[in-house]
Amino acid sequence: MTQLLVRWAGGDNAALDALMPVVYSELRKIADAYLRRERSSHTLQPTALVNEAWLRLVRQDELQFDHRKQFYALAAQMMRRILVDHARALAADKRGGGAARTTLDAELSAGANRTIELLALDEALEQLARVSPRQAQVIELRYFAGLTVEEVGELVGVSAATVSREQKTAEAWLGHTMSASPD
């Protein structure tokens, strides 16, 4: 897989064609994990999320992969961006258009709360990235890419103990930031 990634980054389109079947099942697992955290009535399906992420990945310039974990981390980041974009679009639709207000049932209300939570998490992660880029990267790789502490350490170039410390600090910072932000 690493050889295919290197060839693709070098501009070999045949490597890109060979890569998709190799990575599809893992991308699907990442998409499933993301969507399990979303509301049950989410309009995006795992296959659509994988396909959209794949399209965004192949449009990237200046790719460089030393190993598969970097590819999966980038794919997970793309999926998170897609979900955030989707949530923002949904929130924008709910705010405008002069449509008459209607009451929502509990499930739709819970779905709206999850959309708001996703947007709040995204904003908090963006703030964290400005303060501590590595802590934001650790959270993204652990929670969104599903990498182990050891895999994150290898990818980021620090020890597993440092990853654990960074994760705990980032989780506390995110929790504080999200609880302090106005609803």
N, C-alpha and C. Protein backbone atom coordinates (compact mmCIF):
# COMPACT_ATOMS: atom_id res chain seq x y z
N MET A 1 0.81 -1.19 0.00
CA MET A 1 0.00 0.00 0.00
C MET A 1 0.86 1.26 0.00
N THR A 2 1.93 1.26 0.77
CA THR A 2 2.81 2.42 0.83
C THR A 2 3.40 2.72 -0.54
N GLN A 3 3.77 1.67 -1.25
CA GLN A 3 4.32 1.87 -2.60
C GLN A 3 3.29 2.50 -3.53
N LEU A 4 2.04 2.07 -3.42
CA LEU A 4 0.98 2.67 -4.24
C LEU A 4 0.79 4.14 -3.87
N LEU A 5 0.83 4.45 -2.58
CA LEU A 5 0.70 5.83 -2.14
C LEU A 5 1.82 6.71 -2.67
N VAL A 6 3.03 6.20 -2.62
CA VAL A 6 4.19 6.95 -3.12
C VAL A 6 4.06 7.17 -4.63
N ARG A 7 3.66 6.11 -5.34
CA ARG A 7 3.49 6.24 -6.79
C ARG A 7 2.38 7.24 -7.13
N TRP A 8 1.28 7.18 -6.37
CA TRP A 8 0.18 8.12 -6.60
C TRP A 8 0.64 9.56 -6.34
N ALA A 9 1.33 9.76 -5.23
CA ALA A 9 1.84 11.10 -4.91
C ALA A 9 2.78 11.60 -5.99
N GLY A 10 3.44 10.66 -6.69
CA GLY A 10 4.34 11.02 -7.78
C GLY A 10 3.62 11.25 -9.10
N GLY A 11 2.30 11.11 -9.10
CA GLY A 11 1.53 11.39 -10.31
C GLY A 11 1.11 10.18 -11.11
N ASP A 12 1.31 8.98 -10.59
CA ASP A 12 0.95 7.75 -11.29
C ASP A 12 -0.54 7.45 -11.08
N ASN A 13 -1.35 7.71 -12.10
CA ASN A 13 -2.79 7.49 -11.99
C ASN A 13 -3.15 6.01 -11.92
N ALA A 14 -2.33 5.15 -12.48
CA ALA A 14 -2.59 3.70 -12.38
C ALA A 14 -2.49 3.26 -10.92
N ALA A 15 -1.58 3.86 -10.17
CA ALA A 15 -1.45 3.54 -8.75
C ALA A 15 -2.71 3.98 -8.01
N LEU A 16 -3.26 5.12 -8.39
CA LEU A 16 -4.49 5.61 -7.78
C LEU A 16 -5.63 4.63 -8.03
N ASP A 17 -5.73 4.13 -9.24
CA ASP A 17 -6.77 3.14 -9.57
C ASP A 17 -6.60 1.85 -8.77
N ALA A 18 -5.37 1.45 -8.56
CA ALA A 18 -5.09 0.23 -7.80
C ALA A 18 -5.28 0.44 -6.30
N LEU A 19 -5.16 1.66 -5.86
CA LEU A 19 -5.23 1.98 -4.43
C LEU A 19 -6.65 1.89 -3.88
N MET A 20 -7.62 2.35 -4.62
CA MET A 20 -9.00 2.43 -4.11
C MET A 20 -9.50 1.11 -3.55
N PRO A 21 -9.40 0.00 -4.28
CA PRO A 21 -9.90 -1.25 -3.69
C PRO A 21 -9.15 -1.68 -2.43
N VAL A 22 -7.91 -1.28 -2.33
CA VAL A 22 -7.08 -1.65 -1.18
C VAL A 22 -7.52 -0.89 0.07
N VAL A 23 -7.88 0.37 -0.07
CA VAL A 23 -8.18 1.21 1.08
C VAL A 23 -9.66 1.36 1.37
N TYR A 24 -10.52 0.92 0.48
CA TYR A 24 -11.95 1.19 0.61
C TYR A 24 -12.53 0.68 1.93
N SER A 25 -12.22 -0.56 2.32
CA SER A 25 -12.84 -1.10 3.53
C SER A 25 -12.41 -0.33 4.78
N GLU A 26 -11.17 0.12 4.82
CA GLU A 26 -10.72 0.90 5.98
C GLU A 26 -11.38 2.28 5.98
N LEU A 27 -11.50 2.89 4.82
CA LEU A 27 -12.20 4.18 4.72
C LEU A 27 -13.65 4.02 5.16
N ARG A 28 -14.25 2.92 4.79
CA ARG A 28 -15.64 2.66 5.17
C ARG A 28 -15.76 2.54 6.70
N LYS A 29 -14.77 1.89 7.35
CA LYS A 29 -14.79 1.78 8.81
C LYS A 29 -14.69 3.15 9.47
N ILE A 30 -13.84 4.01 8.92
CA ILE A 30 -13.71 5.36 9.46
C ILE A 30 -15.02 6.12 9.30
N ALA A 31 -15.63 6.00 8.12
CA ALA A 31 -16.92 6.68 7.87
C ALA A 31 -18.00 6.15 8.80
N ASP A 32 -18.05 4.83 8.98
CA ASP A 32 -19.03 4.24 9.91
C ASP A 32 -18.85 4.79 11.32
N ALA A 33 -17.59 4.91 11.75
CA ALA A 33 -17.31 5.43 13.10
C ALA A 33 -17.79 6.87 13.23
N TYR A 34 -17.52 7.68 12.22
CA TYR A 34 -18.00 9.06 12.25
C TYR A 34 -19.51 9.11 12.34
N LEU A 35 -20.18 8.36 11.48
CA LEU A 35 -21.63 8.46 11.39
C LEU A 35 -22.34 7.83 12.58
N ARG A 36 -21.69 6.90 13.29
CA ARG A 36 -22.28 6.37 14.53
C ARG A 36 -22.41 7.46 15.58
N ARG A 37 -21.55 8.46 15.51
CA ARG A 37 -21.59 9.57 16.47
C ARG A 37 -22.63 10.62 16.08
N GLU A 38 -23.15 10.52 14.88
CA GLU A 38 -24.11 11.50 14.38
C GLU A 38 -25.53 11.07 14.74
N ARG A 39 -26.47 11.95 14.47
CA ARG A 39 -27.88 11.63 14.72
C ARG A 39 -28.31 10.48 13.81
N SER A 40 -29.30 9.72 14.25
CA SER A 40 -29.75 8.55 13.49
C SER A 40 -30.39 8.92 12.16
N SER A 41 -30.91 10.12 12.04
CA SER A 41 -31.57 10.54 10.81
C SER A 41 -30.63 11.28 9.86
N HIS A 42 -29.33 11.13 10.07
CA HIS A 42 -28.35 11.83 9.23
C HIS A 42 -28.56 11.46 7.77
N THR A 43 -28.50 12.45 6.89
CA THR A 43 -28.76 12.19 5.48
C THR A 43 -27.56 11.64 4.73
N LEU A 44 -26.36 11.79 5.27
CA LEU A 44 -25.19 11.19 4.63
C LEU A 44 -25.06 9.73 5.04
N GLN A 45 -24.77 8.89 4.09
CA GLN A 45 -24.52 7.48 4.34
C GLN A 45 -23.01 7.24 4.28
N PRO A 46 -22.52 6.17 4.90
CA PRO A 46 -21.07 5.91 4.88
C PRO A 46 -20.48 5.87 3.47
N THR A 47 -21.18 5.25 2.55
CA THR A 47 -20.66 5.16 1.18
C THR A 47 -20.51 6.54 0.56
N ALA A 48 -21.50 7.41 0.77
CA ALA A 48 -21.42 8.77 0.24
C ALA A 48 -20.27 9.54 0.89
N LEU A 49 -20.08 9.35 2.19
CA LEU A 49 -19.00 10.02 2.89
C LEU A 49 -17.64 9.55 2.37
N VAL A 50 -17.49 8.25 2.15
CA VAL A 50 -16.24 7.71 1.59
C VAL A 50 -16.01 8.27 0.19
N ASN A 51 -17.05 8.26 -0.62
CA ASN A 51 -16.90 8.74 -2.00
C ASN A 51 -16.52 10.22 -2.05
N GLU A 52 -17.16 11.03 -1.23
CA GLU A 52 -16.85 12.45 -1.20
C GLU A 52 -15.42 12.68 -0.70
N ALA A 53 -15.03 11.94 0.34
CA ALA A 53 -13.66 12.06 0.86
C ALA A 53 -12.66 11.64 -0.21
N TRP A 54 -12.96 10.57 -0.92
CA TRP A 54 -12.06 10.08 -1.98
C TRP A 54 -11.91 11.15 -3.06
N LEU A 55 -13.02 11.76 -3.46
CA LEU A 55 -12.95 12.81 -4.48
C LEU A 55 -12.09 13.98 -4.01
N ARG A 56 -12.22 14.35 -2.75
CA ARG A 56 -11.40 15.44 -2.22
C ARG A 56 -9.94 15.03 -2.13
N LEU A 57 -9.69 13.78 -1.78
CA LEU A 57 -8.30 13.31 -1.69
C LEU A 57 -7.61 13.33 -3.05
N VAL A 58 -8.31 12.87 -4.08
CA VAL A 58 -7.65 12.80 -5.39
C VAL A 58 -7.43 14.18 -6.00
N ARG A 59 -8.14 15.19 -5.48
CA ARG A 59 -7.95 16.56 -5.97
C ARG A 59 -6.80 17.28 -5.27
N GLN A 60 -6.23 16.66 -4.26
CA GLN A 60 -5.15 17.30 -3.50
C GLN A 60 -3.89 17.44 -4.34
N ASP A 61 -3.21 18.55 -4.14
CA ASP A 61 -1.90 18.76 -4.76
C ASP A 61 -0.83 18.52 -3.71
N GLU A 62 0.36 18.26 -4.17
CA GLU A 62 1.51 18.15 -3.28
C GLU A 62 1.33 17.09 -2.20
N LEU A 63 0.86 15.92 -2.57
CA LEU A 63 0.70 14.84 -1.60
C LEU A 63 2.04 14.16 -1.36
N GLN A 64 2.23 13.73 -0.12
CA GLN A 64 3.41 12.95 0.21
C GLN A 64 3.04 12.04 1.37
N PHE A 65 3.25 10.75 1.18
CA PHE A 65 2.93 9.78 2.21
C PHE A 65 4.15 8.92 2.48
N ASP A 66 4.57 8.89 3.73
CA ASP A 66 5.66 8.01 4.12
C ASP A 66 5.12 6.63 4.49
N HIS A 67 3.86 6.60 4.91
CA HIS A 67 3.22 5.33 5.25
C HIS A 67 1.71 5.49 5.26
N ARG A 68 1.04 4.38 5.38
CA ARG A 68 -0.42 4.34 5.25
C ARG A 68 -1.14 5.16 6.31
N LYS A 69 -0.57 5.27 7.49
CA LYS A 69 -1.23 6.01 8.57
C LYS A 69 -1.42 7.48 8.19
N GLN A 70 -0.47 8.04 7.46
CA GLN A 70 -0.62 9.43 7.02
C GLN A 70 -1.80 9.55 6.06
N PHE A 71 -1.96 8.58 5.19
CA PHE A 71 -3.09 8.58 4.26
C PHE A 71 -4.41 8.51 5.02
N TYR A 72 -4.51 7.58 5.97
CA TYR A 72 -5.76 7.43 6.71
C TYR A 72 -6.05 8.65 7.58
N ALA A 73 -5.01 9.27 8.12
CA ALA A 73 -5.21 10.49 8.91
C ALA A 73 -5.76 11.61 8.02
N LEU A 74 -5.23 11.75 6.82
CA LEU A 74 -5.74 12.76 5.90
C LEU A 74 -7.17 12.44 5.48
N ALA A 75 -7.46 11.17 5.23
CA ALA A 75 -8.82 10.77 4.85
C ALA A 75 -9.80 11.06 5.99
N ALA A 76 -9.41 10.77 7.22
CA ALA A 76 -10.28 11.05 8.36
C ALA A 76 -10.51 12.55 8.51
N GLN A 77 -9.49 13.33 8.29
CA GLN A 77 -9.63 14.78 8.36
C GLN A 77 -10.59 15.27 7.28
N MET A 78 -10.48 14.71 6.08
CA MET A 78 -11.41 15.07 4.99
C MET A 78 -12.85 14.73 5.38
N MET A 79 -13.05 13.56 5.96
CA MET A 79 -14.41 13.16 6.36
C MET A 79 -14.97 14.09 7.41
N ARG A 80 -14.14 14.48 8.37
CA ARG A 80 -14.60 15.42 9.39
C ARG A 80 -14.99 16.74 8.75
N ARG A 81 -14.20 17.23 7.81
CA ARG A 81 -14.52 18.48 7.13
C ARG A 81 -15.84 18.37 6.37
N ILE A 82 -16.06 17.22 5.74
CA ILE A 82 -17.31 17.01 4.99
C ILE A 82 -18.50 17.06 5.94
N LEU A 83 -18.39 16.39 7.08
CA LEU A 83 -19.48 16.39 8.04
C LEU A 83 -19.72 17.78 8.62
N VAL A 84 -18.66 18.52 8.86
CA VAL A 84 -18.81 19.89 9.37
C VAL A 84 -19.46 20.76 8.30
N ASP A 85 -19.01 20.63 7.05
CA ASP A 85 -19.63 21.40 5.97
C ASP A 85 -21.11 21.06 5.84
N HIS A 86 -21.43 19.79 5.97
CA HIS A 86 -22.81 19.33 5.89
C HIS A 86 -23.63 19.93 7.05
N ALA A 87 -23.05 19.92 8.24
CA ALA A 87 -23.74 20.48 9.41
C ALA A 87 -23.94 21.98 9.26
N ARG A 88 -22.94 22.67 8.75
CA ARG A 88 -23.08 24.11 8.54
C ARG A 88 -24.19 24.41 7.53
N ALA A 89 -24.23 23.65 6.46
CA ALA A 89 -25.27 23.84 5.45
C ALA A 89 -26.65 23.59 6.05
N LEU A 90 -26.75 22.55 6.87
CA LEU A 90 -28.02 22.23 7.53
C LEU A 90 -28.43 23.35 8.47
N ALA A 91 -27.47 23.85 9.24
CA ALA A 91 -27.77 24.94 10.18
C ALA A 91 -28.18 26.20 9.42
N ALA A 92 -27.55 26.47 8.28
CA ALA A 92 -27.90 27.63 7.48
C ALA A 92 -29.30 27.50 6.92
N ASP A 93 -29.67 26.30 6.47
CA ASP A 93 -31.02 26.06 5.96
C ASP A 93 -32.06 26.31 7.04
N LYS A 94 -31.74 25.95 8.28
CA LYS A 94 -32.70 26.09 9.37
C LYS A 94 -32.89 27.55 9.77
N ARG A 95 -31.90 28.40 9.47
CA ARG A 95 -31.99 29.80 9.90
C ARG A 95 -32.73 30.69 8.93
N GLY A 96 -32.85 30.30 7.68
CA GLY A 96 -33.35 31.26 6.72
C GLY A 96 -34.53 30.79 5.93
N GLY A 97 -34.78 31.54 4.86
CA GLY A 97 -35.79 31.16 3.92
C GLY A 97 -37.18 31.64 4.25
N GLY A 98 -37.39 32.25 5.40
CA GLY A 98 -38.71 32.74 5.75
C GLY A 98 -39.74 31.64 5.91
N ALA A 99 -39.28 30.43 6.11
CA ALA A 99 -40.21 29.31 6.26
C ALA A 99 -40.94 29.42 7.60
N ALA A 100 -42.14 28.92 7.62
CA ALA A 100 -42.91 28.92 8.86
C ALA A 100 -42.27 27.98 9.86
N ARG A 101 -42.29 28.36 11.13
CA ARG A 101 -41.72 27.50 12.17
C ARG A 101 -42.67 26.36 12.47
N THR A 102 -42.08 25.22 12.71
CA THR A 102 -42.86 24.05 13.12
C THR A 102 -42.19 23.45 14.33
N THR A 103 -42.92 22.66 15.08
CA THR A 103 -42.32 22.01 16.22
C THR A 103 -41.60 20.76 15.75
N LEU A 104 -40.58 20.39 16.49
CA LEU A 104 -39.78 19.22 16.14
C LEU A 104 -40.04 18.12 17.16
N ASP A 105 -39.99 16.89 16.69
CA ASP A 105 -40.11 15.81 17.65
C ASP A 105 -38.76 15.60 18.33
N ALA A 106 -38.72 14.74 19.31
CA ALA A 106 -37.51 14.56 20.13
C ALA A 106 -36.31 14.11 19.31
N GLU A 107 -36.52 13.21 18.35
CA GLU A 107 -35.39 12.70 17.57
C GLU A 107 -34.79 13.80 16.70
N LEU A 108 -35.64 14.59 16.05
CA LEU A 108 -35.12 15.68 15.24
C LEU A 108 -34.43 16.71 16.10
N SER A 109 -34.98 16.97 17.27
CA SER A 109 -34.36 17.91 18.18
C SER A 109 -32.99 17.39 18.61
N ALA A 110 -32.91 16.09 18.92
CA ALA A 110 -31.62 15.50 19.29
C ALA A 110 -30.64 15.60 18.13
N GLY A 111 -31.13 15.41 16.91
CA GLY A 111 -30.28 15.53 15.73
C GLY A 111 -29.74 16.95 15.58
N ALA A 112 -30.58 17.93 15.82
CA ALA A 112 -30.14 19.32 15.76
C ALA A 112 -29.08 19.59 16.82
N ASN A 113 -29.29 19.02 18.03
CA ASN A 113 -28.29 19.19 19.09
C ASN A 113 -26.96 18.58 18.69
N ARG A 114 -26.97 17.43 18.03
CA ARG A 114 -25.72 16.82 17.58
C ARG A 114 -25.05 17.67 16.52
N THR A 115 -25.84 18.28 15.65
CA THR A 115 -25.27 19.18 14.64
C THR A 115 -24.60 20.35 15.32
N ILE A 116 -25.26 20.92 16.30
CA ILE A 116 -24.69 22.04 17.05
C ILE A 116 -23.43 21.60 17.77
N GLU A 117 -23.45 20.40 18.37
CA GLU A 117 -22.27 19.89 19.07
C GLU A 117 -21.10 19.69 18.11
N LEU A 118 -21.38 19.17 16.90
CA LEU A 118 -20.32 18.97 15.92
C LEU A 118 -19.71 20.30 15.52
N LEU A 119 -20.55 21.30 15.30
CA LEU A 119 -20.04 22.62 14.94
C LEU A 119 -19.23 23.22 16.09
N ALA A 120 -19.71 23.04 17.32
CA ALA A 120 -18.98 23.56 18.48
C ALA A 120 -17.64 22.84 18.63
N LEU A 121 -17.63 21.53 18.42
CA LEU A 121 -16.38 20.78 18.50
C LEU A 121 -15.41 21.23 17.42
N ASP A 122 -15.92 21.43 16.22
CA ASP A 122 -15.06 21.88 15.13
C ASP A 122 -14.44 23.23 15.46
N GLU A 123 -15.24 24.15 15.96
CA GLU A 123 -14.72 25.47 16.33
C GLU A 123 -13.69 25.37 17.45
N ALA A 124 -13.98 24.53 18.44
CA ALA A 124 -13.04 24.34 19.55
C ALA A 124 -11.73 23.71 19.05
N LEU A 125 -11.84 22.76 18.14
CA LEU A 125 -10.62 22.14 17.57
C LEU A 125 -9.81 23.17 16.77
N GLU A 126 -10.49 24.04 16.07
CA GLU A 126 -9.79 25.09 15.31
C GLU A 126 -9.06 26.03 16.28
N GLN A 127 -9.72 26.37 17.39
CA GLN A 127 -9.08 27.23 18.40
C GLN A 127 -7.88 26.51 19.00
N LEU A 128 -8.06 25.22 19.31
CA LEU A 128 -6.96 24.44 19.89
C LEU A 128 -5.79 24.37 18.91
N ALA A 129 -6.07 24.22 17.64
CA ALA A 129 -5.01 24.14 16.64
C ALA A 129 -4.19 25.43 16.59
N ARG A 130 -4.82 26.56 16.89
CA ARG A 130 -4.08 27.82 16.93
C ARG A 130 -3.19 27.90 18.17
N VAL A 131 -3.66 27.31 19.27
CA VAL A 131 -2.90 27.33 20.53
C VAL A 131 -1.86 26.22 20.56
N SER A 132 -2.28 25.02 20.19
CA SER A 132 -1.39 23.86 20.22
C SER A 132 -1.72 22.94 19.05
N PRO A 133 -1.05 23.14 17.92
CA PRO A 133 -1.34 22.32 16.75
C PRO A 133 -1.18 20.82 16.99
N ARG A 134 -0.18 20.44 17.78
CA ARG A 134 0.03 19.01 18.01
C ARG A 134 -1.10 18.41 18.83
N GLN A 135 -1.59 19.12 19.83
CA GLN A 135 -2.71 18.59 20.61
C GLN A 135 -3.95 18.42 19.74
N ALA A 136 -4.21 19.37 18.86
CA ALA A 136 -5.35 19.24 17.95
C ALA A 136 -5.16 18.04 17.02
N GLN A 137 -3.94 17.85 16.56
CA GLN A 137 -3.65 16.72 15.69
C GLN A 137 -3.82 15.40 16.44
N VAL A 138 -3.40 15.35 17.68
CA VAL A 138 -3.56 14.14 18.49
C VAL A 138 -5.04 13.79 18.63
N ILE A 139 -5.87 14.77 18.95
CA ILE A 139 -7.31 14.52 19.09
C ILE A 139 -7.88 14.03 17.77
N GLU A 140 -7.54 14.69 16.69
CA GLU A 140 -8.07 14.30 15.39
C GLU A 140 -7.65 12.86 15.02
N LEU A 141 -6.41 12.53 15.26
CA LEU A 141 -5.92 11.20 14.90
C LEU A 141 -6.50 10.12 15.81
N ARG A 142 -6.64 10.43 17.10
CA ARG A 142 -7.18 9.44 18.04
C ARG A 142 -8.67 9.22 17.82
N TYR A 143 -9.44 10.30 17.79
CA TYR A 143 -10.89 10.18 17.76
C TYR A 143 -11.45 10.02 16.36
N PHE A 144 -10.90 10.73 15.41
CA PHE A 144 -11.50 10.73 14.09
C PHE A 144 -10.85 9.74 13.14
N ALA A 145 -9.54 9.53 13.26
CA ALA A 145 -8.88 8.54 12.40
C ALA A 145 -8.85 7.17 13.07
N GLY A 146 -9.09 7.13 14.38
CA GLY A 146 -9.14 5.86 15.09
C GLY A 146 -7.78 5.22 15.33
N LEU A 147 -6.72 6.02 15.30
CA LEU A 147 -5.38 5.47 15.52
C LEU A 147 -5.13 5.23 17.01
N THR A 148 -4.29 4.26 17.29
CA THR A 148 -3.90 3.98 18.67
C THR A 148 -2.91 5.05 19.14
N VAL A 149 -2.67 5.08 20.44
CA VAL A 149 -1.69 6.02 21.01
C VAL A 149 -0.33 5.80 20.36
N GLU A 150 0.04 4.53 20.20
CA GLU A 150 1.34 4.21 19.61
C GLU A 150 1.41 4.66 18.15
N GLU A 151 0.34 4.46 17.40
CA GLU A 151 0.32 4.88 16.00
C GLU A 151 0.40 6.39 15.87
N VAL A 152 -0.30 7.10 16.75
CA VAL A 152 -0.24 8.57 16.72
C VAL A 152 1.18 9.02 17.05
N GLY A 153 1.78 8.40 18.06
CA GLY A 153 3.15 8.76 18.42
C GLY A 153 4.11 8.56 17.26
N GLU A 154 3.96 7.45 16.58
CA GLU A 154 4.81 7.17 15.42
C GLU A 154 4.60 8.21 14.32
N LEU A 155 3.36 8.54 14.08
CA LEU A 155 3.02 9.48 13.02
C LEU A 155 3.49 10.90 13.34
N VAL A 156 3.31 11.32 14.59
CA VAL A 156 3.64 12.68 15.00
C VAL A 156 5.12 12.80 15.38
N GLY A 157 5.75 11.67 15.73
CA GLY A 157 7.16 11.69 16.07
C GLY A 157 7.44 11.95 17.54
N VAL A 158 6.53 11.48 18.40
CA VAL A 158 6.72 11.61 19.84
C VAL A 158 6.42 10.26 20.49
N SER A 159 6.72 10.16 21.77
CA SER A 159 6.47 8.90 22.48
C SER A 159 4.98 8.72 22.77
N ALA A 160 4.60 7.48 23.04
CA ALA A 160 3.21 7.18 23.39
C ALA A 160 2.81 7.92 24.67
N ALA A 161 3.74 8.05 25.61
CA ALA A 161 3.44 8.77 26.86
C ALA A 161 3.14 10.24 26.56
N THR A 162 3.88 10.82 25.64
CA THR A 162 3.63 12.22 25.27
C THR A 162 2.26 12.35 24.60
N VAL A 163 1.92 11.40 23.75
CA VAL A 163 0.60 11.41 23.11
C VAL A 163 -0.49 11.36 24.17
N SER A 164 -0.34 10.47 25.15
CA SER A 164 -1.34 10.36 26.21
C SER A 164 -1.49 11.66 26.99
N ARG A 165 -0.36 12.28 27.33
CA ARG A 165 -0.41 13.56 28.04
C ARG A 165 -1.06 14.64 27.19
N GLU A 166 -0.66 14.70 25.93
CA GLU A 166 -1.23 15.71 25.03
C GLU A 166 -2.74 15.49 24.87
N GLN A 167 -3.15 14.22 24.77
CA GLN A 167 -4.57 13.92 24.61
C GLN A 167 -5.36 14.36 25.83
N LYS A 168 -4.87 14.04 27.03
CA LYS A 168 -5.57 14.43 28.25
C LYS A 168 -5.67 15.95 28.38
N THR A 169 -4.59 16.62 28.08
CA THR A 169 -4.59 18.08 28.15
C THR A 169 -5.57 18.66 27.13
N ALA A 170 -5.53 18.14 25.91
CA ALA A 170 -6.42 18.63 24.85
C ALA A 170 -7.88 18.35 25.19
N GLU A 171 -8.17 17.18 25.73
CA GLU A 171 -9.55 16.85 26.11
C GLU A 171 -10.06 17.83 27.17
N ALA A 172 -9.21 18.13 28.15
CA ALA A 172 -9.62 19.08 29.20
C ALA A 172 -9.84 20.46 28.59
N TRP A 173 -8.94 20.88 27.72
CA TRP A 173 -9.05 22.19 27.09
C TRP A 173 -10.33 22.26 26.25
N LEU A 174 -10.59 21.23 25.46
CA LEU A 174 -11.78 21.20 24.62
C LEU A 174 -13.05 21.21 25.47
N GLY A 175 -13.06 20.41 26.53
CA GLY A 175 -14.22 20.36 27.41
C GLY A 175 -14.50 21.71 28.03
N HIS A 176 -13.46 22.38 28.50
CA HIS A 176 -13.62 23.71 29.09
C HIS A 176 -14.10 24.70 28.05
N THR A 177 -13.49 24.69 26.89
CA THR A 177 -13.85 25.64 25.82
C THR A 177 -15.28 25.43 25.36
N MET A 178 -15.67 24.18 25.20
CA MET A 178 -17.03 23.91 24.71
C MET A 178 -18.08 24.23 25.77
N SER A 179 -17.76 24.01 27.04
CA SER A 179 -18.74 24.31 28.09
C SER A 179 -18.84 25.81 28.34
N ALA A 180 -17.77 26.55 28.03
CA ALA A 180 -17.77 27.99 28.24
C ALA A 180 -18.40 28.75 27.09
N SER A 181 -18.49 28.10 25.90
CA SER A 181 -19.02 28.83 24.74
C SER A 181 -20.53 28.95 24.84
N PRO A 182 -21.07 30.09 24.40
CA PRO A 182 -22.53 30.30 24.48
C PRO A 182 -23.24 29.39 23.51
N ASP A 183 -24.44 28.94 23.87
CA ASP A 183 -25.23 28.04 23.03
C ASP A 183 -25.94 28.79 21.94
